[in-house]
Amino acid sequence: MLEERCHMRLAAKELQIQQQQKKTAEHKEAQITRAAEKQLWQDIQLSKMRAVHSKKLAAPPPDVVKEPKVDNVDVASIVVRFDGI
């Protein structure tokens, strides 16, 4: 009877250790998953921010660029200054 009880305690202890290891592994896996999801979210946000900034800095398409409008100007009225010579 005593020997049987000792074996039961040992089996219960082993089961408890296995459950604890399983719980620890699941916790680590959940941590890794959360970290990966957070990194993905940050990458998406950074990508969106870069897309917004690149749109601000991008040159307009060639069909939108217009030639500057020049009014009829008398060439004689243009004054060229050479300061510092």
Protein backbone atom coordinates (compact mmCIF):
# COMPACT_ATOMS: atom_id res chain seq x y z
CA MET A 1 0.00 0.00 0.00
CA LEU A 2 2.78 2.41 0.91
CA GLU A 3 4.68 1.57 -2.25
CA GLU A 4 1.58 2.09 -4.35
CA ARG A 5 0.98 5.49 -2.76
CA CYS A 6 4.59 6.48 -3.42
CA HIS A 7 4.19 5.59 -7.11
CA MET A 8 0.97 7.62 -7.29
CA ARG A 9 2.70 10.66 -5.78
CA LEU A 10 5.56 10.30 -8.21
CA ALA A 11 3.15 10.02 -11.16
CA ALA A 12 1.20 13.05 -9.93
CA LYS A 13 4.42 15.03 -9.56
CA GLU A 14 5.53 14.07 -13.10
CA LEU A 15 2.10 15.03 -14.45
CA GLN A 16 2.30 18.38 -12.65
CA ILE A 17 5.77 19.03 -14.12
CA GLN A 18 4.56 18.13 -17.62
CA GLN A 19 1.56 20.44 -17.29
CA GLN A 20 3.78 23.25 -16.05
CA GLN A 21 6.19 22.77 -18.97
CA LYS A 22 3.27 22.73 -21.41
CA LYS A 23 1.87 25.93 -19.89
CA THR A 24 5.30 27.60 -20.07
CA ALA A 25 5.70 26.58 -23.72
CA GLU A 26 2.23 27.94 -24.56
CA HIS A 27 3.05 31.19 -22.75
CA LYS A 28 6.30 31.59 -24.70
CA GLU A 29 4.51 30.83 -27.97
CA ALA A 30 1.85 33.44 -27.14
CA GLN A 31 4.59 35.98 -26.36
CA ILE A 32 6.29 35.31 -29.68
CA THR A 33 2.96 35.58 -31.51
CA ARG A 34 2.16 38.91 -29.84
CA ALA A 35 5.63 40.24 -30.63
CA ALA A 36 5.28 39.19 -34.28
CA GLU A 37 1.83 40.79 -34.54
CA LYS A 38 3.13 44.00 -32.96
CA GLN A 39 6.07 44.11 -35.37
CA LEU A 40 3.75 43.52 -38.32
CA TRP A 41 1.45 46.33 -37.13
CA GLN A 42 4.44 48.68 -36.74
CA ASP A 43 5.72 47.76 -40.20
CA ILE A 44 2.30 48.46 -41.71
CA GLN A 45 2.10 51.83 -39.95
CA LEU A 46 5.60 52.74 -41.11
CA SER A 47 4.74 51.71 -44.65
CA LYS A 48 1.62 53.88 -44.58
CA MET A 49 3.61 56.81 -43.25
CA ARG A 50 6.25 56.40 -45.95
CA ALA A 51 3.53 56.19 -48.61
CA VAL A 52 2.02 59.46 -47.40
CA HIS A 53 5.41 61.18 -47.34
CA SER A 54 6.37 59.86 -50.77
CA LYS A 55 3.11 61.20 -52.19
CA LYS A 56 3.94 64.62 -50.78
CA LEU A 57 7.43 64.56 -52.27
CA ALA A 58 6.56 62.99 -55.61
CA ALA A 59 6.64 65.16 -58.71
CA PRO A 60 3.36 65.63 -60.51
CA PRO A 61 2.76 63.53 -63.62
CA PRO A 62 4.08 65.02 -66.90
CA ASP A 63 0.61 65.70 -68.28
CA VAL A 64 -0.17 67.92 -65.27
CA VAL A 65 2.96 70.07 -65.61
CA LYS A 66 2.13 73.16 -67.62
CA GLU A 67 4.38 75.54 -69.42
CA PRO A 68 4.81 78.81 -67.56
CA LYS A 69 2.66 81.59 -68.91
CA VAL A 70 4.68 84.49 -70.30
CA ASP A 71 3.02 87.80 -71.01
CA ASN A 72 4.29 90.00 -73.77
CA VAL A 73 7.23 91.76 -72.16
CA ASP A 74 9.26 94.47 -73.77
CA VAL A 75 12.84 93.18 -73.83
CA ALA A 76 14.17 96.73 -73.47
CA SER A 77 12.47 97.05 -70.08
CA ILE A 78 14.52 94.18 -68.60
CA VAL A 79 17.33 95.54 -66.46
CA VAL A 80 20.35 93.34 -65.89
CA ARG A 81 22.43 94.28 -62.86
CA PHE A 82 26.02 93.25 -62.31
CA ASP A 83 26.68 94.03 -58.68
CA GLY A 84 30.10 93.37 -57.25
CA ILE A 85 32.08 93.44 -60.48
